[in-house]
Amino acid sequence: MKKKQIDSTFLEMEEVKVLIDSIKQPVIRFAVLTMAATGLRVSECINLKLDDVDIPKKMIYVRNGKGCKDRVIPIHKDISEELITYLNEHRPKGNSDYFFSTKRSGTISNQYINRILQQTAKKVGIQKNVSSHDLRRAYASHLSHHNVNTKVIQMLLGHENLKTTSVYIFEKDEAMEEAIEKVPF
């Protein structure tokens, strides 16, 4: 069987974890962690307001996402604990109502996040041009590899069309080989 060419920017979840653990800037580390654990677009993440993250209910409210659509994303219990740490120990005090903020600007930019991701990837030896969008693809593929229904993945990602969701899901050769073995002959 001929091996499929692997997309050079596809990130395994192990690589995502290494990236997160290696980011030194707390606000970027927590923003990247949030994107990787929720599938948020970078624009959705940087536009989150304090009121949009309901840690006690373990919910993130995406307001005016792509296509001006709103959605609700559950937060994993371990991530909610990380976000409490961010709020209590790392988020600068100030007037900004953005969830992820810096003392100087009161917000963060997608360029800043992507620059830190690329620098960190290079530092830890990941030979890929990594961007925040790759976190979203890794999230969707990880869910798919764990047999999460594609319709649920579509809802979590906020896609209107299931065809769009399928582009985000990268199947490993092993998954395809396992699938064909299920056909009885």
C-alpha atoms as a PDB file:
ATOM      1  CA  MET A   1       0.000   0.000   0.000  1.00  0.00           C
ATOM      2  CA  LYS A   2       1.396   3.371  -1.035  1.00  0.00           C
ATOM      3  CA  LYS A   3       1.831   5.774   1.878  1.00  0.00           C
ATOM      4  CA  LYS A   4      -0.165   9.004   1.699  1.00  0.00           C
ATOM      5  CA  GLN A   5       1.900  12.191   1.755  1.00  0.00           C
ATOM      6  CA  ILE A   6       1.530  13.753   5.202  1.00  0.00           C
ATOM      7  CA  ASP A   7       0.571  17.410   5.343  1.00  0.00           C
ATOM      8  CA  SER A   8       3.688  19.153   6.608  1.00  0.00           C
ATOM      9  CA  THR A   9       1.762  21.375   9.009  1.00  0.00           C
ATOM     10  CA  PHE A  10      -0.373  18.682  10.591  1.00  0.00           C
ATOM     11  CA  LEU A  11       0.374  18.611  14.309  1.00  0.00           C
ATOM     12  CA  GLU A  12       0.057  15.551  16.488  1.00  0.00           C
ATOM     13  CA  MET A  13      -1.412  16.229  19.936  1.00  0.00           C
ATOM     14  CA  GLU A  14       1.957  15.291  21.472  1.00  0.00           C
ATOM     15  CA  GLU A  15       3.552  18.137  19.492  1.00  0.00           C
ATOM     16  CA  VAL A  16       0.805  20.507  20.610  1.00  0.00           C
ATOM     17  CA  LYS A  17       1.481  19.603  24.253  1.00  0.00           C
ATOM     18  CA  VAL A  18       5.223  20.174  23.802  1.00  0.00           C
ATOM     19  CA  LEU A  19       4.514  23.570  22.239  1.00  0.00           C
ATOM     20  CA  ILE A  20       2.192  24.610  25.057  1.00  0.00           C
ATOM     21  CA  ASP A  21       4.624  23.470  27.741  1.00  0.00           C
ATOM     22  CA  SER A  22       7.484  25.360  26.046  1.00  0.00           C
ATOM     23  CA  ILE A  23       5.809  28.758  25.619  1.00  0.00           C
ATOM     24  CA  LYS A  24       7.306  31.168  28.131  1.00  0.00           C
ATOM     25  CA  GLN A  25       4.836  34.084  27.781  1.00  0.00           C
ATOM     26  CA  PRO A  26       1.932  33.211  30.122  1.00  0.00           C
ATOM     27  CA  VAL A  27      -0.840  34.998  28.216  1.00  0.00           C
ATOM     28  CA  ILE A  28       0.185  33.300  24.954  1.00  0.00           C
ATOM     29  CA  ARG A  29       0.610  29.942  26.649  1.00  0.00           C
ATOM     30  CA  PHE A  30      -2.909  30.083  28.093  1.00  0.00           C
ATOM     31  CA  ALA A  31      -4.426  31.365  24.831  1.00  0.00           C
ATOM     32  CA  VAL A  32      -2.748  28.542  22.880  1.00  0.00           C
ATOM     33  CA  LEU A  33      -3.875  26.014  25.482  1.00  0.00           C
ATOM     34  CA  THR A  34      -7.443  27.305  25.167  1.00  0.00           C
ATOM     35  CA  MET A  35      -7.408  27.120  21.367  1.00  0.00           C
ATOM     36  CA  ALA A  36      -5.893  23.631  21.402  1.00  0.00           C
ATOM     37  CA  ALA A  37      -8.448  22.371  23.938  1.00  0.00           C
ATOM     38  CA  THR A  38     -11.544  23.966  22.399  1.00  0.00           C
ATOM     39  CA  GLY A  39     -10.923  24.331  18.673  1.00  0.00           C
ATOM     40  CA  LEU A  40     -11.444  28.093  18.841  1.00  0.00           C
ATOM     41  CA  ARG A  41     -10.284  30.175  15.901  1.00  0.00           C
ATOM     42  CA  VAL A  42      -7.548  32.620  16.870  1.00  0.00           C
ATOM     43  CA  SER A  43      -9.917  35.542  16.215  1.00  0.00           C
ATOM     44  CA  GLU A  44     -12.512  33.984  18.516  1.00  0.00           C
ATOM     45  CA  CYS A  45      -9.920  33.417  21.223  1.00  0.00           C
ATOM     46  CA  ILE A  46      -8.471  36.932  21.196  1.00  0.00           C
ATOM     47  CA  ASN A  47     -11.960  38.465  21.151  1.00  0.00           C
ATOM     48  CA  LEU A  48     -13.204  36.554  24.210  1.00  0.00           C
ATOM     49  CA  LYS A  49     -14.383  38.873  26.947  1.00  0.00           C
ATOM     50  CA  LEU A  50     -14.258  38.042  30.642  1.00  0.00           C
ATOM     51  CA  ASP A  51     -18.031  37.444  30.606  1.00  0.00           C
ATOM     52  CA  ASP A  52     -17.685  34.968  27.715  1.00  0.00           C
ATOM     53  CA  VAL A  53     -15.758  32.446  29.818  1.00  0.00           C
ATOM     54  CA  ASP A  54     -17.972  30.879  32.478  1.00  0.00           C
ATOM     55  CA  ILE A  55     -15.547  28.760  34.457  1.00  0.00           C
ATOM     56  CA  PRO A  56     -18.056  27.543  37.089  1.00  0.00           C
ATOM     57  CA  LYS A  57     -20.344  26.249  34.308  1.00  0.00           C
ATOM     58  CA  LYS A  58     -17.310  25.144  32.243  1.00  0.00           C
ATOM     59  CA  MET A  59     -18.555  26.970  29.131  1.00  0.00           C
ATOM     60  CA  ILE A  60     -17.106  29.395  26.612  1.00  0.00           C
ATOM     61  CA  TYR A  61     -19.578  31.610  24.778  1.00  0.00           C
ATOM     62  CA  VAL A  62     -18.320  32.521  21.314  1.00  0.00           C
ATOM     63  CA  ARG A  63     -20.063  35.681  20.238  1.00  0.00           C
ATOM     64  CA  ASN A  64     -19.963  36.810  16.640  1.00  0.00           C
ATOM     65  CA  GLY A  65     -17.714  34.012  15.458  1.00  0.00           C
ATOM     66  CA  LYS A  66     -17.082  33.486  11.764  1.00  0.00           C
ATOM     67  CA  GLY A  67     -20.215  34.396   9.848  1.00  0.00           C
ATOM     68  CA  CYS A  68     -21.400  36.405  12.881  1.00  0.00           C
ATOM     69  CA  LYS A  69     -22.548  33.169  14.507  1.00  0.00           C
ATOM     70  CA  ASP A  70     -22.651  32.467  18.225  1.00  0.00           C
ATOM     71  CA  ARG A  71     -21.942  29.097  19.797  1.00  0.00           C
ATOM     72  CA  VAL A  72     -21.233  27.533  23.165  1.00  0.00           C
ATOM     73  CA  ILE A  73     -18.211  25.319  23.726  1.00  0.00           C
ATOM     74  CA  PRO A  74     -17.776  23.159  26.827  1.00  0.00           C
ATOM     75  CA  ILE A  75     -14.481  23.486  28.694  1.00  0.00           C
ATOM     76  CA  HIS A  76     -12.649  20.366  29.861  1.00  0.00           C
ATOM     77  CA  LYS A  77     -12.330  20.305  33.675  1.00  0.00           C
ATOM     78  CA  ASP A  78      -8.517  20.355  33.520  1.00  0.00           C
ATOM     79  CA  ILE A  79      -8.569  23.377  31.224  1.00  0.00           C
ATOM     80  CA  SER A  80     -10.976  25.247  33.494  1.00  0.00           C
ATOM     81  CA  GLU A  81      -8.449  24.780  36.315  1.00  0.00           C
ATOM     82  CA  GLU A  82      -5.714  26.172  34.048  1.00  0.00           C
ATOM     83  CA  LEU A  83      -7.900  29.180  33.232  1.00  0.00           C
ATOM     84  CA  ILE A  84      -8.468  29.840  36.933  1.00  0.00           C
ATOM     85  CA  THR A  85      -4.683  29.826  37.367  1.00  0.00           C
ATOM     86  CA  TYR A  86      -4.348  32.263  34.471  1.00  0.00           C
ATOM     87  CA  LEU A  87      -6.939  34.643  35.938  1.00  0.00           C
ATOM     88  CA  ASN A  88      -5.564  34.496  39.474  1.00  0.00           C
ATOM     89  CA  GLU A  89      -1.837  34.481  38.783  1.00  0.00           C
ATOM     90  CA  HIS A  90      -1.049  35.730  35.279  1.00  0.00           C
ATOM     91  CA  ARG A  91      -3.735  38.022  33.884  1.00  0.00           C
ATOM     92  CA  PRO A  92      -2.709  41.630  34.465  1.00  0.00           C
ATOM     93  CA  LYS A  93      -5.011  43.772  36.536  1.00  0.00           C
ATOM     94  CA  GLY A  94      -6.476  46.612  34.579  1.00  0.00           C
ATOM     95  CA  ASN A  95      -9.472  47.954  32.729  1.00  0.00           C
ATOM     96  CA  SER A  96      -9.477  45.528  29.808  1.00  0.00           C
ATOM     97  CA  ASP A  97     -12.501  43.284  29.580  1.00  0.00           C
ATOM     98  CA  TYR A  98     -10.732  40.948  27.149  1.00  0.00           C
ATOM     99  CA  PHE A  99     -10.088  37.561  28.721  1.00  0.00           C
ATOM    100  CA  PHE A 100      -6.585  37.293  27.255  1.00  0.00           C
ATOM    101  CA  SER A 101      -4.884  40.604  27.765  1.00  0.00           C
ATOM    102  CA  THR A 102      -1.542  42.235  28.307  1.00  0.00           C
ATOM    103  CA  LYS A 103      -0.897  45.107  30.638  1.00  0.00           C
ATOM    104  CA  ARG A 104       0.272  47.368  27.820  1.00  0.00           C
ATOM    105  CA  SER A 105      -2.437  46.904  25.191  1.00  0.00           C
ATOM    106  CA  GLY A 106      -5.269  45.211  27.061  1.00  0.00           C
ATOM    107  CA  THR A 107      -5.475  42.534  24.364  1.00  0.00           C
ATOM    108  CA  ILE A 108      -3.303  40.234  22.259  1.00  0.00           C
ATOM    109  CA  SER A 109      -3.009  39.910  18.497  1.00  0.00           C
ATOM    110  CA  ASN A 110      -3.130  36.894  16.247  1.00  0.00           C
ATOM    111  CA  GLN A 111       0.257  37.943  14.833  1.00  0.00           C
ATOM    112  CA  TYR A 112       1.800  37.825  18.308  1.00  0.00           C
ATOM    113  CA  ILE A 113       0.348  34.374  18.979  1.00  0.00           C
ATOM    114  CA  ASN A 114       1.542  33.031  15.622  1.00  0.00           C
ATOM    115  CA  ARG A 115       5.016  34.534  16.017  1.00  0.00           C
ATOM    116  CA  ILE A 116       5.441  32.918  19.443  1.00  0.00           C
ATOM    117  CA  LEU A 117       4.101  29.592  18.101  1.00  0.00           C
ATOM    118  CA  GLN A 118       6.588  29.632  15.213  1.00  0.00           C
ATOM    119  CA  GLN A 119       9.506  30.608  17.440  1.00  0.00           C
ATOM    120  CA  THR A 120       8.606  27.951  20.001  1.00  0.00           C
ATOM    121  CA  ALA A 121       8.172  25.260  17.344  1.00  0.00           C
ATOM    122  CA  LYS A 122      11.625  26.046  15.991  1.00  0.00           C
ATOM    123  CA  LYS A 123      13.117  26.054  19.500  1.00  0.00           C
ATOM    124  CA  VAL A 124      11.707  22.601  20.342  1.00  0.00           C
ATOM    125  CA  GLY A 125      12.685  21.122  16.974  1.00  0.00           C
ATOM    126  CA  ILE A 126       9.301  20.885  15.259  1.00  0.00           C
ATOM    127  CA  GLN A 127      10.169  21.170  11.574  1.00  0.00           C
ATOM    128  CA  LYS A 128       6.815  22.625  10.540  1.00  0.00           C
ATOM    129  CA  ASN A 129       5.540  26.119   9.870  1.00  0.00           C
ATOM    130  CA  VAL A 130       3.140  26.162  12.830  1.00  0.00           C
ATOM    131  CA  SER A 131       0.242  28.576  13.153  1.00  0.00           C
ATOM    132  CA  SER A 132      -2.745  28.915  15.446  1.00  0.00           C
ATOM    133  CA  HIS A 133      -4.934  27.402  12.745  1.00  0.00           C
ATOM    134  CA  ASP A 134      -2.925  24.176  12.997  1.00  0.00           C
ATOM    135  CA  LEU A 135      -4.100  23.876  16.612  1.00  0.00           C
ATOM    136  CA  ARG A 136      -7.682  23.846  15.356  1.00  0.00           C
ATOM    137  CA  ARG A 137      -6.892  21.134  12.818  1.00  0.00           C
ATOM    138  CA  ALA A 138      -5.099  19.048  15.454  1.00  0.00           C
ATOM    139  CA  TYR A 139      -8.116  19.425  17.765  1.00  0.00           C
ATOM    140  CA  ALA A 140     -10.558  18.238  15.093  1.00  0.00           C
ATOM    141  CA  SER A 141      -8.348  15.331  14.052  1.00  0.00           C
ATOM    142  CA  HIS A 142      -7.797  14.300  17.660  1.00  0.00           C
ATOM    143  CA  LEU A 143     -11.555  14.181  18.235  1.00  0.00           C
ATOM    144  CA  SER A 144     -12.021  12.183  15.041  1.00  0.00           C
ATOM    145  CA  HIS A 145      -9.294   9.700  16.047  1.00  0.00           C
ATOM    146  CA  HIS A 146     -11.225   9.160  19.282  1.00  0.00           C
ATOM    147  CA  ASN A 147     -14.410   8.358  17.365  1.00  0.00           C
ATOM    148  CA  VAL A 148     -16.250  11.597  18.112  1.00  0.00           C
ATOM    149  CA  ASN A 149     -19.133  11.939  15.685  1.00  0.00           C
ATOM    150  CA  THR A 150     -18.281  14.270  12.800  1.00  0.00           C
ATOM    151  CA  LYS A 151     -21.530  16.198  13.377  1.00  0.00           C
ATOM    152  CA  VAL A 152     -20.424  16.951  16.948  1.00  0.00           C
ATOM    153  CA  ILE A 153     -17.013  18.096  15.674  1.00  0.00           C
ATOM    154  CA  GLN A 154     -18.837  20.335  13.184  1.00  0.00           C
ATOM    155  CA  MET A 155     -20.829  21.926  16.009  1.00  0.00           C
ATOM    156  CA  LEU A 156     -17.748  22.429  18.187  1.00  0.00           C
ATOM    157  CA  LEU A 157     -15.854  24.079  15.322  1.00  0.00           C
ATOM    158  CA  GLY A 158     -18.832  26.228  14.363  1.00  0.00           C
ATOM    159  CA  HIS A 159     -18.972  25.052  10.765  1.00  0.00           C
ATOM    160  CA  GLU A 160     -22.190  25.486   8.842  1.00  0.00           C
ATOM    161  CA  ASN A 161     -21.299  22.743   6.370  1.00  0.00           C
ATOM    162  CA  LEU A 162     -20.101  19.236   7.239  1.00  0.00           C
ATOM    163  CA  LYS A 163     -17.888  19.312   4.140  1.00  0.00           C
ATOM    164  CA  THR A 164     -15.882  22.138   5.725  1.00  0.00           C
ATOM    165  CA  THR A 165     -15.361  20.041   8.849  1.00  0.00           C
ATOM    166  CA  SER A 166     -14.042  17.107   6.838  1.00  0.00           C
ATOM    167  CA  VAL A 167     -11.172  19.285   5.560  1.00  0.00           C
ATOM    168  CA  TYR A 168      -9.985  19.730   9.155  1.00  0.00           C
ATOM    169  CA  ILE A 169      -9.910  16.031   9.917  1.00  0.00           C
ATOM    170  CA  PHE A 170      -6.682  14.296   9.042  1.00  0.00           C
ATOM    171  CA  GLU A 171      -6.832  10.545   9.259  1.00  0.00           C
ATOM    172  CA  LYS A 172      -3.690   8.568   9.903  1.00  0.00           C
ATOM    173  CA  ASP A 173      -2.833   5.720   7.557  1.00  0.00           C
ATOM    174  CA  GLU A 174      -3.281   3.311  10.468  1.00  0.00           C
ATOM    175  CA  ALA A 175      -6.906   4.412  10.917  1.00  0.00           C
ATOM    176  CA  MET A 176      -7.653   3.724   7.281  1.00  0.00           C
ATOM    177  CA  GLU A 177      -5.911   0.348   7.454  1.00  0.00           C
ATOM    178  CA  GLU A 178      -7.926  -0.563  10.560  1.00  0.00           C
ATOM    179  CA  ALA A 179     -11.132   0.507   8.811  1.00  0.00           C
ATOM    180  CA  ILE A 180     -10.610  -1.767   5.812  1.00  0.00           C
ATOM    181  CA  GLU A 181      -9.822  -4.684   8.089  1.00  0.00           C
ATOM    182  CA  LYS A 182     -13.403  -4.444   9.396  1.00  0.00           C
ATOM    183  CA  VAL A 183     -14.778  -5.442   5.999  1.00  0.00           C
ATOM    184  CA  PRO A 184     -15.468  -9.221   6.129  1.00  0.00           C
ATOM    185  CA  PHE A 185     -13.949 -11.374   3.376  1.00  0.00           C
END
